[in-house]
Amino acid sequence: MSKPRPFLGPEPVDGPYCRNCGAVADIHYCPVCGQETAIEMPTVGHFLSELAEQTLALQGQLWTTLISLLFRPGQLTVDYIAGRRQRYVRPLRLYLALSIVFFAILGFTASLSPEHFFPRGERAEAAQTSAAGPSGAAAAEPVAEAPPDVPASPEAPVKPSDPAAGSVAANAEKGGLTVNTGYPALDARIQARFDTLKALPEAELSATIADALFSYAPIAIFFTLPLFALLIGIGYLGLRLNYAVHLLFAINYHSFLFFLLLVELLPIPSPASTLLALTIPAYLTIALRRVYGGGWGGTAFFSFLVLIVHMIVVALVMSVSTLLTLAFPL
């Protein structure tokens, strides 16, 4: 016995009720659950529209948010706290969208041309070629060595007497890297990994470093957000505000930074790039003053302090994450 053909279509309702939760909904959207009330059979165009509006946030909210983010520093934070939220893309969603797009484009660009980000060895190779000459005879000539205890020239370093320093110097002469974490097994593993990297061809080494840098950079920068918010909170400790307020400010500020970095990826002239970089301290100063108040001079001075500390922390976190990724690849 065959199963009866099921009814496929919008469920009929008797009155202005929401088909999702059953609440009275006589407007375009249900006031309880937010679902639209004009339900039709799905089409491909409907799916694409949902993707644009919900997943990519390509609706009126996005343009309102970007205009406020770019041209009214700090206003997104003020409006969110005041309760004017529905007109904007939510702060964390905007930050994640901009950061993911930036690192995706940057990683793709670096994978196509890693030497653009890590130019290495070109002048060294040219020097070796010119020194060797067409026949390579100059490279074969032996170089006289100075006596072990006498410097070869006034600029030559004196032979170290400390055993540890001697080990480092001997390893440096071989072009190696001394690793000493206190755990021999771990030292051997890291040393072997770096020796392997050193033996890679120039292009492959550049690509490996670029991949390590961009693999965990979004996570590393994301985890500096709480520290940035903490710095802001320390500066405005007298206001006795909740830490979440400073975190909200940090998220919106970093969204602006990622938008600026996206613009930097475009083929813009160098003066324009410099001008964009100079807008960062000005933007932070205006945003801080709009959200927290205060005078121009004190706010500008505090902005520069925060920027310096933040840049140092980001550089350290990025360096450590890159080195760990190179030493312990997944």
C-alpha atoms as a PDB file:
ATOM      1  CA  MET A   1       0.000   0.000   0.000  1.00  0.00           C
ATOM      2  CA  SER A   2       1.506   3.295  -1.090  1.00  0.00           C
ATOM      3  CA  LYS A   3       1.860   6.213   1.261  1.00  0.00           C
ATOM      4  CA  PRO A   4      -0.409   9.188   0.489  1.00  0.00           C
ATOM      5  CA  ARG A   5       1.343  12.132  -1.052  1.00  0.00           C
ATOM      6  CA  PRO A   6       2.138  14.628   1.717  1.00  0.00           C
ATOM      7  CA  PHE A   7       1.110  18.232   1.501  1.00  0.00           C
ATOM      8  CA  LEU A   8       4.117  20.414   0.684  1.00  0.00           C
ATOM      9  CA  GLY A   9       3.480  24.109   1.075  1.00  0.00           C
ATOM     10  CA  PRO A  10       3.014  26.850   3.632  1.00  0.00           C
ATOM     11  CA  GLU A  11       0.830  25.641   6.459  1.00  0.00           C
ATOM     12  CA  PRO A  12      -2.590  27.304   6.264  1.00  0.00           C
ATOM     13  CA  VAL A  13      -3.461  29.400   9.312  1.00  0.00           C
ATOM     14  CA  ASP A  14      -6.801  30.782  10.404  1.00  0.00           C
ATOM     15  CA  GLY A  15      -5.975  34.375  11.176  1.00  0.00           C
ATOM     16  CA  PRO A  16      -2.864  36.539  11.597  1.00  0.00           C
ATOM     17  CA  TYR A  17      -0.822  33.951  13.475  1.00  0.00           C
ATOM     18  CA  CYS A  18       2.848  33.082  13.248  1.00  0.00           C
ATOM     19  CA  ARG A  19       3.430  29.662  11.687  1.00  0.00           C
ATOM     20  CA  ASN A  20       6.518  29.165  13.860  1.00  0.00           C
ATOM     21  CA  CYS A  21       5.357  29.962  17.413  1.00  0.00           C
ATOM     22  CA  GLY A  22       1.604  30.590  17.035  1.00  0.00           C
ATOM     23  CA  ALA A  23       1.709  34.141  18.397  1.00  0.00           C
ATOM     24  CA  VAL A  24      -0.475  36.869  16.953  1.00  0.00           C
ATOM     25  CA  ALA A  25       1.503  38.459  14.116  1.00  0.00           C
ATOM     26  CA  ASP A  26      -0.375  40.966  11.963  1.00  0.00           C
ATOM     27  CA  ILE A  27       2.815  42.669  10.681  1.00  0.00           C
ATOM     28  CA  HIS A  28       5.673  41.565   8.436  1.00  0.00           C
ATOM     29  CA  TYR A  29       7.571  39.843  11.262  1.00  0.00           C
ATOM     30  CA  CYS A  30       6.423  37.985  14.340  1.00  0.00           C
ATOM     31  CA  PRO A  31       6.861  40.198  17.427  1.00  0.00           C
ATOM     32  CA  VAL A  32       7.719  37.128  19.542  1.00  0.00           C
ATOM     33  CA  CYS A  33      10.146  34.971  17.520  1.00  0.00           C
ATOM     34  CA  GLY A  34      11.015  37.388  14.688  1.00  0.00           C
ATOM     35  CA  GLN A  35      10.102  35.078  11.783  1.00  0.00           C
ATOM     36  CA  GLU A  36       8.631  36.645   8.672  1.00  0.00           C
ATOM     37  CA  THR A  37       4.867  36.223   8.291  1.00  0.00           C
ATOM     38  CA  ALA A  38       4.669  36.221   4.465  1.00  0.00           C
ATOM     39  CA  ILE A  39       5.682  32.602   3.834  1.00  0.00           C
ATOM     40  CA  GLU A  40       5.986  31.311   0.265  1.00  0.00           C
ATOM     41  CA  MET A  41       7.379  28.211  -1.387  1.00  0.00           C
ATOM     42  CA  PRO A  42      11.207  28.304  -1.309  1.00  0.00           C
ATOM     43  CA  THR A  43      13.114  29.231  -4.436  1.00  0.00           C
ATOM     44  CA  VAL A  44      16.809  29.467  -5.320  1.00  0.00           C
ATOM     45  CA  GLY A  45      16.531  33.228  -5.175  1.00  0.00           C
ATOM     46  CA  HIS A  46      15.065  32.965  -1.678  1.00  0.00           C
ATOM     47  CA  PHE A  47      18.028  30.878  -0.508  1.00  0.00           C
ATOM     48  CA  LEU A  48      20.503  33.381  -1.956  1.00  0.00           C
ATOM     49  CA  SER A  49      18.628  36.231  -0.337  1.00  0.00           C
ATOM     50  CA  GLU A  50      18.762  34.515   3.054  1.00  0.00           C
ATOM     51  CA  LEU A  51      22.477  33.920   2.600  1.00  0.00           C
ATOM     52  CA  ALA A  52      23.062  37.589   1.809  1.00  0.00           C
ATOM     53  CA  GLU A  53      20.880  38.927   4.592  1.00  0.00           C
ATOM     54  CA  GLN A  54      21.631  36.577   7.467  1.00  0.00           C
ATOM     55  CA  THR A  55      24.989  34.896   6.883  1.00  0.00           C
ATOM     56  CA  LEU A  56      26.864  37.749   5.202  1.00  0.00           C
ATOM     57  CA  ALA A  57      24.774  40.504   6.801  1.00  0.00           C
ATOM     58  CA  LEU A  58      24.518  42.276   3.439  1.00  0.00           C
ATOM     59  CA  GLN A  59      21.499  44.316   4.355  1.00  0.00           C
ATOM     60  CA  GLY A  60      20.767  47.819   5.514  1.00  0.00           C
ATOM     61  CA  GLN A  61      22.371  47.102   8.887  1.00  0.00           C
ATOM     62  CA  LEU A  62      25.784  46.566   7.298  1.00  0.00           C
ATOM     63  CA  TRP A  63      25.954  49.946   5.595  1.00  0.00           C
ATOM     64  CA  THR A  64      24.631  51.747   8.672  1.00  0.00           C
ATOM     65  CA  THR A  65      27.215  49.932  10.772  1.00  0.00           C
ATOM     66  CA  LEU A  66      30.135  50.682   8.447  1.00  0.00           C
ATOM     67  CA  ILE A  67      29.239  54.360   8.149  1.00  0.00           C
ATOM     68  CA  SER A  68      29.092  54.693  11.919  1.00  0.00           C
ATOM     69  CA  LEU A  69      32.255  52.605  12.393  1.00  0.00           C
ATOM     70  CA  LEU A  70      34.359  54.561   9.905  1.00  0.00           C
ATOM     71  CA  PHE A  71      33.109  58.119  10.257  1.00  0.00           C
ATOM     72  CA  ARG A  72      31.832  58.321  13.849  1.00  0.00           C
ATOM     73  CA  PRO A  73      34.505  56.760  16.064  1.00  0.00           C
ATOM     74  CA  GLY A  74      33.080  55.299  19.257  1.00  0.00           C
ATOM     75  CA  GLN A  75      29.446  55.764  18.234  1.00  0.00           C
ATOM     76  CA  LEU A  76      28.804  52.024  17.877  1.00  0.00           C
ATOM     77  CA  THR A  77      29.828  51.542  21.503  1.00  0.00           C
ATOM     78  CA  VAL A  78      27.681  54.452  22.707  1.00  0.00           C
ATOM     79  CA  ASP A  79      24.612  53.269  20.771  1.00  0.00           C
ATOM     80  CA  TYR A  80      24.992  49.663  21.912  1.00  0.00           C
ATOM     81  CA  ILE A  81      25.120  50.685  25.574  1.00  0.00           C
ATOM     82  CA  ALA A  82      22.196  53.080  25.075  1.00  0.00           C
ATOM     83  CA  GLY A  83      20.090  50.251  23.638  1.00  0.00           C
ATOM     84  CA  ARG A  84      20.135  51.258  19.974  1.00  0.00           C
ATOM     85  CA  ARG A  85      21.292  47.865  18.712  1.00  0.00           C
ATOM     86  CA  GLN A  86      18.938  46.460  16.094  1.00  0.00           C
ATOM     87  CA  ARG A  87      19.997  48.998  13.460  1.00  0.00           C
ATOM     88  CA  TYR A  88      23.584  47.699  13.511  1.00  0.00           C
ATOM     89  CA  VAL A  89      25.406  44.442  12.886  1.00  0.00           C
ATOM     90  CA  ARG A  90      26.265  43.024  16.301  1.00  0.00           C
ATOM     91  CA  PRO A  91      29.824  43.904  17.419  1.00  0.00           C
ATOM     92  CA  LEU A  92      31.296  40.422  17.683  1.00  0.00           C
ATOM     93  CA  ARG A  93      29.791  39.314  14.367  1.00  0.00           C
ATOM     94  CA  LEU A  94      31.241  42.350  12.610  1.00  0.00           C
ATOM     95  CA  TYR A  95      34.676  41.776  14.157  1.00  0.00           C
ATOM     96  CA  LEU A  96      34.760  38.100  13.216  1.00  0.00           C
ATOM     97  CA  ALA A  97      33.573  38.771   9.662  1.00  0.00           C
ATOM     98  CA  LEU A  98      36.190  41.469   8.994  1.00  0.00           C
ATOM     99  CA  SER A  99      39.040  39.528  10.600  1.00  0.00           C
ATOM    100  CA  ILE A 100      38.233  36.293   8.766  1.00  0.00           C
ATOM    101  CA  VAL A 101      38.011  38.071   5.403  1.00  0.00           C
ATOM    102  CA  PHE A 102      41.286  39.916   6.043  1.00  0.00           C
ATOM    103  CA  PHE A 103      43.318  36.867   7.034  1.00  0.00           C
ATOM    104  CA  ALA A 104      41.805  34.773   4.234  1.00  0.00           C
ATOM    105  CA  ILE A 105      42.848  37.336   1.608  1.00  0.00           C
ATOM    106  CA  LEU A 106      46.237  37.910   3.241  1.00  0.00           C
ATOM    107  CA  GLY A 107      46.981  34.189   3.459  1.00  0.00           C
ATOM    108  CA  PHE A 108      45.951  33.658  -0.145  1.00  0.00           C
ATOM    109  CA  THR A 109      48.153  36.532  -1.298  1.00  0.00           C
ATOM    110  CA  ALA A 110      51.119  35.264   0.696  1.00  0.00           C
ATOM    111  CA  SER A 111      50.701  31.726  -0.651  1.00  0.00           C
ATOM    112  CA  LEU A 112      50.824  33.075  -4.211  1.00  0.00           C
ATOM    113  CA  SER A 113      53.896  35.222  -3.579  1.00  0.00           C
ATOM    114  CA  PRO A 114      55.492  34.550  -0.171  1.00  0.00           C
ATOM    115  CA  GLU A 115      58.743  36.239  -1.175  1.00  0.00           C
ATOM    116  CA  HIS A 116      56.789  39.496  -1.322  1.00  0.00           C
ATOM    117  CA  PHE A 117      56.373  39.258   2.446  1.00  0.00           C
ATOM    118  CA  PHE A 118      59.676  37.520   3.192  1.00  0.00           C
ATOM    119  CA  PRO A 119      62.351  38.646   0.707  1.00  0.00           C
ATOM    120  CA  ARG A 120      65.437  36.610   1.555  1.00  0.00           C
ATOM    121  CA  GLY A 121      68.765  35.624   0.042  1.00  0.00           C
ATOM    122  CA  GLU A 122      68.632  37.616  -3.176  1.00  0.00           C
ATOM    123  CA  ARG A 123      71.582  39.884  -2.423  1.00  0.00           C
ATOM    124  CA  ALA A 124      73.504  37.001  -0.820  1.00  0.00           C
ATOM    125  CA  GLU A 125      73.073  34.880  -3.940  1.00  0.00           C
ATOM    126  CA  ALA A 126      74.162  37.796  -6.142  1.00  0.00           C
ATOM    127  CA  ALA A 127      77.244  38.333  -3.968  1.00  0.00           C
ATOM    128  CA  GLN A 128      78.187  34.653  -4.189  1.00  0.00           C
ATOM    129  CA  THR A 129      77.778  34.676  -7.954  1.00  0.00           C
ATOM    130  CA  SER A 130      79.913  37.779  -8.432  1.00  0.00           C
ATOM    131  CA  ALA A 131      82.592  36.475  -6.044  1.00  0.00           C
ATOM    132  CA  ALA A 132      82.792  33.116  -7.793  1.00  0.00           C
ATOM    133  CA  GLY A 133      83.012  34.681 -11.247  1.00  0.00           C
ATOM    134  CA  PRO A 134      82.251  32.844 -14.477  1.00  0.00           C
ATOM    135  CA  SER A 135      84.624  29.971 -13.756  1.00  0.00           C
ATOM    136  CA  GLY A 136      84.014  29.773 -10.008  1.00  0.00           C
ATOM    137  CA  ALA A 137      87.762  29.976  -9.343  1.00  0.00           C
ATOM    138  CA  ALA A 138      87.469  32.642  -6.679  1.00  0.00           C
ATOM    139  CA  ALA A 139      85.214  30.449  -4.590  1.00  0.00           C
ATOM    140  CA  ALA A 140      87.789  27.674  -4.609  1.00  0.00           C
ATOM    141  CA  GLU A 141      90.628  29.785  -3.192  1.00  0.00           C
ATOM    142  CA  PRO A 142      91.337  28.944   0.458  1.00  0.00           C
ATOM    143  CA  VAL A 143      91.003  31.688   3.005  1.00  0.00           C
ATOM    144  CA  ALA A 144      93.810  32.080   5.539  1.00  0.00           C
ATOM    145  CA  GLU A 145      92.629  31.640   9.110  1.00  0.00           C
ATOM    146  CA  ALA A 146      93.877  33.649  12.055  1.00  0.00           C
ATOM    147  CA  PRO A 147      95.523  31.893  14.999  1.00  0.00           C
ATOM    148  CA  PRO A 148      92.933  30.570  17.449  1.00  0.00           C
ATOM    149  CA  ASP A 149      93.884  32.912  20.306  1.00  0.00           C
ATOM    150  CA  VAL A 150      94.670  36.050  18.277  1.00  0.00           C
ATOM    151  CA  PRO A 151      91.966  38.111  16.582  1.00  0.00           C
ATOM    152  CA  ALA A 152      92.391  38.338  12.794  1.00  0.00           C
ATOM    153  CA  SER A 153      91.652  42.071  12.856  1.00  0.00           C
ATOM    154  CA  PRO A 154      90.770  44.778  15.358  1.00  0.00           C
ATOM    155  CA  GLU A 155      87.101  44.235  14.497  1.00  0.00           C
ATOM    156  CA  ALA A 156      87.260  40.456  14.942  1.00  0.00           C
ATOM    157  CA  PRO A 157      85.592  39.115  18.122  1.00  0.00           C
ATOM    158  CA  VAL A 158      87.735  37.710  20.892  1.00  0.00           C
ATOM    159  CA  LYS A 159      87.385  34.006  21.475  1.00  0.00           C
ATOM    160  CA  PRO A 160      85.043  33.490  24.448  1.00  0.00           C
ATOM    161  CA  SER A 161      86.368  31.821  27.534  1.00  0.00           C
ATOM    162  CA  ASP A 162      82.999  30.803  28.941  1.00  0.00           C
ATOM    163  CA  PRO A 163      82.109  27.208  27.919  1.00  0.00           C
ATOM    164  CA  ALA A 164      78.477  28.070  27.305  1.00  0.00           C
ATOM    165  CA  ALA A 165      79.419  31.078  25.225  1.00  0.00           C
ATOM    166  CA  GLY A 166      81.938  28.968  23.363  1.00  0.00           C
ATOM    167  CA  SER A 167      79.217  26.452  22.542  1.00  0.00           C
ATOM    168  CA  VAL A 168      76.986  29.217  21.208  1.00  0.00           C
ATOM    169  CA  ALA A 169      79.848  30.721  19.192  1.00  0.00           C
ATOM    170  CA  ALA A 170      80.867  27.365  17.749  1.00  0.00           C
ATOM    171  CA  ASN A 171      77.302  26.675  16.764  1.00  0.00           C
ATOM    172  CA  ALA A 172      76.969  30.144  15.263  1.00  0.00           C
ATOM    173  CA  GLU A 173      80.074  29.551  13.139  1.00  0.00           C
ATOM    174  CA  LYS A 174      78.329  26.534  11.695  1.00  0.00           C
ATOM    175  CA  GLY A 175      75.272  28.658  10.984  1.00  0.00           C
ATOM    176  CA  GLY A 176      73.192  26.723  13.483  1.00  0.00           C
ATOM    177  CA  LEU A 177      70.829  27.657  16.301  1.00  0.00           C
ATOM    178  CA  THR A 178      71.418  26.706  19.927  1.00  0.00           C
ATOM    179  CA  VAL A 179      68.267  25.591  21.735  1.00  0.00           C
ATOM    180  CA  ASN A 180      68.361  25.141  25.498  1.00  0.00           C
ATOM    181  CA  THR A 181      65.030  24.762  27.285  1.00  0.00           C
ATOM    182  CA  GLY A 182      66.410  22.519  30.048  1.00  0.00           C
ATOM    183  CA  TYR A 183      64.805  19.408  28.559  1.00  0.00           C
ATOM    184  CA  PRO A 184      67.232  17.521  26.274  1.00  0.00           C
ATOM    185  CA  ALA A 185      64.534  15.592  24.409  1.00  0.00           C
ATOM    186  CA  LEU A 186      62.598  18.780  23.680  1.00  0.00           C
ATOM    187  CA  ASP A 187      65.806  20.591  22.682  1.00  0.00           C
ATOM    188  CA  ALA A 188      66.706  17.815  20.247  1.00  0.00           C
ATOM    189  CA  ARG A 189      63.265  17.890  18.642  1.00  0.00           C
ATOM    190  CA  ILE A 190      63.254  21.673  18.202  1.00  0.00           C
ATOM    191  CA  GLN A 191      66.848  21.631  16.931  1.00  0.00           C
ATOM    192  CA  ALA A 192      66.038  18.932  14.380  1.00  0.00           C
ATOM    193  CA  ARG A 193      62.998  20.857  13.188  1.00  0.00           C
ATOM    194  CA  PHE A 194      64.944  24.084  12.652  1.00  0.00           C
ATOM    195  CA  ASP A 195      67.739  22.204  10.897  1.00  0.00           C
ATOM    196  CA  THR A 196      65.116  20.771   8.559  1.00  0.00           C
ATOM    197  CA  LEU A 197      63.721  24.244   7.876  1.00  0.00           C
ATOM    198  CA  LYS A 198      67.199  25.589   7.235  1.00  0.00           C
ATOM    199  CA  ALA A 199      67.757  22.991   4.531  1.00  0.00           C
ATOM    200  CA  LEU A 200      64.599  23.963   2.622  1.00  0.00           C
ATOM    201  CA  PRO A 201      64.834  25.847  -0.676  1.00  0.00           C
ATOM    202  CA  GLU A 202      64.316  29.596  -0.485  1.00  0.00           C
ATOM    203  CA  ALA A 203      60.792  29.636  -1.922  1.00  0.00           C
ATOM    204  CA  GLU A 204      59.615  26.714   0.197  1.00  0.00           C
ATOM    205  CA  LEU A 205      61.068  28.245   3.364  1.00  0.00           C
ATOM    206  CA  SER A 206      59.295  31.543   2.676  1.00  0.00           C
ATOM    207  CA  ALA A 207      56.025  29.718   2.078  1.00  0.00           C
ATOM    208  CA  THR A 208      56.465  27.724   5.311  1.00  0.00           C
ATOM    209  CA  ILE A 209      57.084  30.863   7.358  1.00  0.00           C
ATOM    210  CA  ALA A 210      54.119  32.626   5.760  1.00  0.00           C
ATOM    211  CA  ASP A 211      51.874  29.655   6.472  1.00  0.00           C
ATOM    212  CA  ALA A 212      53.028  29.543  10.106  1.00  0.00           C
ATOM    213  CA  LEU A 213      52.459  33.268  10.502  1.00  0.00           C
ATOM    214  CA  PHE A 214      48.963  33.272   9.075  1.00  0.00           C
ATOM    215  CA  SER A 215      47.790  29.990  10.619  1.00  0.00           C
ATOM    216  CA  TYR A 216      47.387  31.286  14.157  1.00  0.00           C
ATOM    217  CA  ALA A 217      47.549  35.043  13.647  1.00  0.00           C
ATOM    218  CA  PRO A 218      43.744  35.491  13.934  1.00  0.00           C
ATOM    219  CA  ILE A 219      43.687  33.519  17.181  1.00  0.00           C
ATOM    220  CA  ALA A 220      46.718  35.369  18.530  1.00  0.00           C
ATOM    221  CA  ILE A 221      45.229  38.780  17.785  1.00  0.00           C
ATOM    222  CA  PHE A 222      41.842  37.697  19.130  1.00  0.00           C
ATOM    223  CA  PHE A 223      43.405  36.830  22.484  1.00  0.00           C
ATOM    224  CA  THR A 224      45.004  40.281  22.711  1.00  0.00           C
ATOM    225  CA  LEU A 225      41.530  41.832  22.781  1.00  0.00           C
ATOM    226  CA  PRO A 226      41.031  41.251  26.537  1.00  0.00           C
ATOM    227  CA  LEU A 227      44.403  42.855  27.252  1.00  0.00           C
ATOM    228  CA  PHE A 228      43.522  45.893  25.141  1.00  0.00           C
ATOM    229  CA  ALA A 229      40.230  46.188  27.036  1.00  0.00           C
ATOM    230  CA  LEU A 230      42.141  45.871  30.317  1.00  0.00           C
ATOM    231  CA  LEU A 231      44.441  48.743  29.315  1.00  0.00           C
ATOM    232  CA  ILE A 232      41.407  50.910  28.567  1.00  0.00           C
ATOM    233  CA  GLY A 233      39.846  49.914  31.880  1.00  0.00           C
ATOM    234  CA  ILE A 234      42.985  50.854  33.808  1.00  0.00           C
ATOM    235  CA  GLY A 235      43.070  54.253  32.142  1.00  0.00           C
ATOM    236  CA  TYR A 236      39.454  54.940  33.083  1.00  0.00           C
ATOM    237  CA  LEU A 237      39.420  53.158  36.421  1.00  0.00           C
ATOM    238  CA  GLY A 238      37.834  56.140  38.112  1.00  0.00           C
ATOM    239  CA  LEU A 239      34.652  55.766  36.062  1.00  0.00           C
ATOM    240  CA  ARG A 240      33.937  52.383  37.722  1.00  0.00           C
ATOM    241  CA  LEU A 241      32.552  50.860  34.549  1.00  0.00           C
ATOM    242  CA  ASN A 242      31.954  47.188  33.925  1.00  0.00           C
ATOM    243  CA  TYR A 243      34.831  45.403  32.157  1.00  0.00           C
ATOM    244  CA  ALA A 244      32.395  44.377  29.411  1.00  0.00           C
ATOM    245  CA  VAL A 245      32.090  48.041  28.405  1.00  0.00           C
ATOM    246  CA  HIS A 246      35.833  48.210  27.745  1.00  0.00           C
ATOM    247  CA  LEU A 247      35.696  44.878  25.919  1.00  0.00           C
ATOM    248  CA  LEU A 248      32.897  46.200  23.703  1.00  0.00           C
ATOM    249  CA  PHE A 249      34.997  49.265  22.907  1.00  0.00           C
ATOM    250  CA  ALA A 250      37.993  47.043  22.078  1.00  0.00           C
ATOM    251  CA  ILE A 251      35.936  44.865  19.719  1.00  0.00           C
ATOM    252  CA  ASN A 252      34.601  47.858  17.794  1.00  0.00           C
ATOM    253  CA  TYR A 253      38.049  49.461  17.614  1.00  0.00           C
ATOM    254  CA  HIS A 254      39.621  46.257  16.263  1.00  0.00           C
ATOM    255  CA  SER A 255      36.842  46.017  13.672  1.00  0.00           C
ATOM    256  CA  PHE A 256      37.972  49.415  12.421  1.00  0.00           C
ATOM    257  CA  LEU A 257      41.596  48.202  12.336  1.00  0.00           C
ATOM    258  CA  PHE A 258      40.715  45.155  10.259  1.00  0.00           C
ATOM    259  CA  PHE A 259      38.723  47.270   7.818  1.00  0.00           C
ATOM    260  CA  LEU A 260      41.750  49.555   7.503  1.00  0.00           C
ATOM    261  CA  LEU A 261      44.012  46.553   6.923  1.00  0.00           C
ATOM    262  CA  LEU A 262      41.672  45.314   4.203  1.00  0.00           C
ATOM    263  CA  VAL A 263      42.051  48.654   2.433  1.00  0.00           C
ATOM    264  CA  GLU A 264      45.851  48.355   2.822  1.00  0.00           C
ATOM    265  CA  LEU A 265      45.737  45.136   0.792  1.00  0.00           C
ATOM    266  CA  LEU A 266      44.553  47.113  -2.218  1.00  0.00           C
ATOM    267  CA  PRO A 267      47.151  48.478  -4.652  1.00  0.00           C
ATOM    268  CA  ILE A 268      47.086  51.997  -3.204  1.00  0.00           C
ATOM    269  CA  PRO A 269      49.936  54.543  -3.448  1.00  0.00           C
ATOM    270  CA  SER A 270      52.454  54.706  -0.620  1.00  0.00           C
ATOM    271  CA  PRO A 271      51.387  58.201   0.546  1.00  0.00           C
ATOM    272  CA  ALA A 272      47.809  56.982   0.875  1.00  0.00           C
ATOM    273  CA  SER A 273      48.977  53.994   2.905  1.00  0.00           C
ATOM    274  CA  THR A 274      50.933  56.285   5.231  1.00  0.00           C
ATOM    275  CA  LEU A 275      47.905  58.522   5.630  1.00  0.00           C
ATOM    276  CA  LEU A 276      45.747  55.545   6.584  1.00  0.00           C
ATOM    277  CA  ALA A 277      48.270  54.531   9.246  1.00  0.00           C
ATOM    278  CA  LEU A 278      48.206  58.051  10.693  1.00  0.00           C
ATOM    279  CA  THR A 279      44.430  57.873  11.104  1.00  0.00           C
ATOM    280  CA  ILE A 280      44.770  55.133  13.749  1.00  0.00           C
ATOM    281  CA  PRO A 281      45.892  57.307  16.701  1.00  0.00           C
ATOM    282  CA  ALA A 282      43.440  60.039  15.674  1.00  0.00           C
ATOM    283  CA  TYR A 283      40.589  57.519  15.455  1.00  0.00           C
ATOM    284  CA  LEU A 284      41.391  56.024  18.857  1.00  0.00           C
ATOM    285  CA  THR A 285      41.577  59.462  20.467  1.00  0.00           C
ATOM    286  CA  ILE A 286      38.202  60.534  19.081  1.00  0.00           C
ATOM    287  CA  ALA A 287      36.594  57.203  19.991  1.00  0.00           C
ATOM    288  CA  LEU A 288      37.888  57.295  23.572  1.00  0.00           C
ATOM    289  CA  ARG A 289      36.709  60.850  24.069  1.00  0.00           C
ATOM    290  CA  ARG A 290      33.259  60.090  22.650  1.00  0.00           C
ATOM    291  CA  VAL A 291      32.756  57.051  24.872  1.00  0.00           C
ATOM    292  CA  TYR A 292      34.562  58.040  28.078  1.00  0.00           C
ATOM    293  CA  GLY A 293      34.792  61.828  27.887  1.00  0.00           C
ATOM    294  CA  GLY A 294      37.826  63.857  28.967  1.00  0.00           C
ATOM    295  CA  GLY A 295      40.020  66.499  27.400  1.00  0.00           C
ATOM    296  CA  TRP A 296      41.771  66.293  24.058  1.00  0.00           C
ATOM    297  CA  GLY A 297      45.317  66.468  25.411  1.00  0.00           C
ATOM    298  CA  GLY A 298      44.977  63.781  28.076  1.00  0.00           C
ATOM    299  CA  THR A 299      43.007  61.490  25.784  1.00  0.00           C
ATOM    300  CA  ALA A 300      45.565  61.819  22.979  1.00  0.00           C
ATOM    301  CA  PHE A 301      48.454  61.064  25.363  1.00  0.00           C
ATOM    302  CA  PHE A 302      46.639  58.011  26.748  1.00  0.00           C
ATOM    303  CA  SER A 303      45.873  56.828  23.194  1.00  0.00           C
ATOM    304  CA  PHE A 304      49.563  56.847  22.264  1.00  0.00           C
ATOM    305  CA  LEU A 305      50.463  54.880  25.406  1.00  0.00           C
ATOM    306  CA  VAL A 306      47.801  52.258  24.662  1.00  0.00           C
ATOM    307  CA  LEU A 307      48.902  51.963  21.030  1.00  0.00           C
ATOM    308  CA  ILE A 308      52.559  51.450  21.956  1.00  0.00           C
ATOM    309  CA  VAL A 309      51.821  48.776  24.561  1.00  0.00           C
ATOM    310  CA  HIS A 310      49.321  47.065  22.267  1.00  0.00           C
ATOM    311  CA  MET A 311      51.753  46.941  19.328  1.00  0.00           C
ATOM    312  CA  ILE A 312      54.451  45.429  21.542  1.00  0.00           C
ATOM    313  CA  VAL A 313      52.085  42.761  22.852  1.00  0.00           C
ATOM    314  CA  VAL A 314      50.773  41.876  19.377  1.00  0.00           C
ATOM    315  CA  ALA A 315      54.331  41.603  18.026  1.00  0.00           C
ATOM    316  CA  LEU A 316      55.356  39.316  20.886  1.00  0.00           C
ATOM    317  CA  VAL A 317      52.276  37.118  20.551  1.00  0.00           C
ATOM    318  CA  MET A 318      52.681  36.848  16.774  1.00  0.00           C
ATOM    319  CA  SER A 319      56.388  36.015  17.090  1.00  0.00           C
ATOM    320  CA  VAL A 320      55.834  33.340  19.723  1.00  0.00           C
ATOM    321  CA  SER A 321      52.917  31.766  17.848  1.00  0.00           C
ATOM    322  CA  THR A 322      54.935  31.697  14.611  1.00  0.00           C
ATOM    323  CA  LEU A 323      57.975  30.118  16.279  1.00  0.00           C
ATOM    324  CA  LEU A 324      55.837  27.510  18.037  1.00  0.00           C
ATOM    325  CA  THR A 325      54.077  26.671  14.785  1.00  0.00           C
ATOM    326  CA  LEU A 326      57.418  26.262  13.018  1.00  0.00           C
ATOM    327  CA  ALA A 327      58.863  24.155  15.842  1.00  0.00           C
ATOM    328  CA  PHE A 328      55.783  21.987  16.366  1.00  0.00           C
ATOM    329  CA  PRO A 329      53.894  21.690  13.075  1.00  0.00           C
ATOM    330  CA  LEU A 330      50.540  19.926  13.174  1.00  0.00           C
END
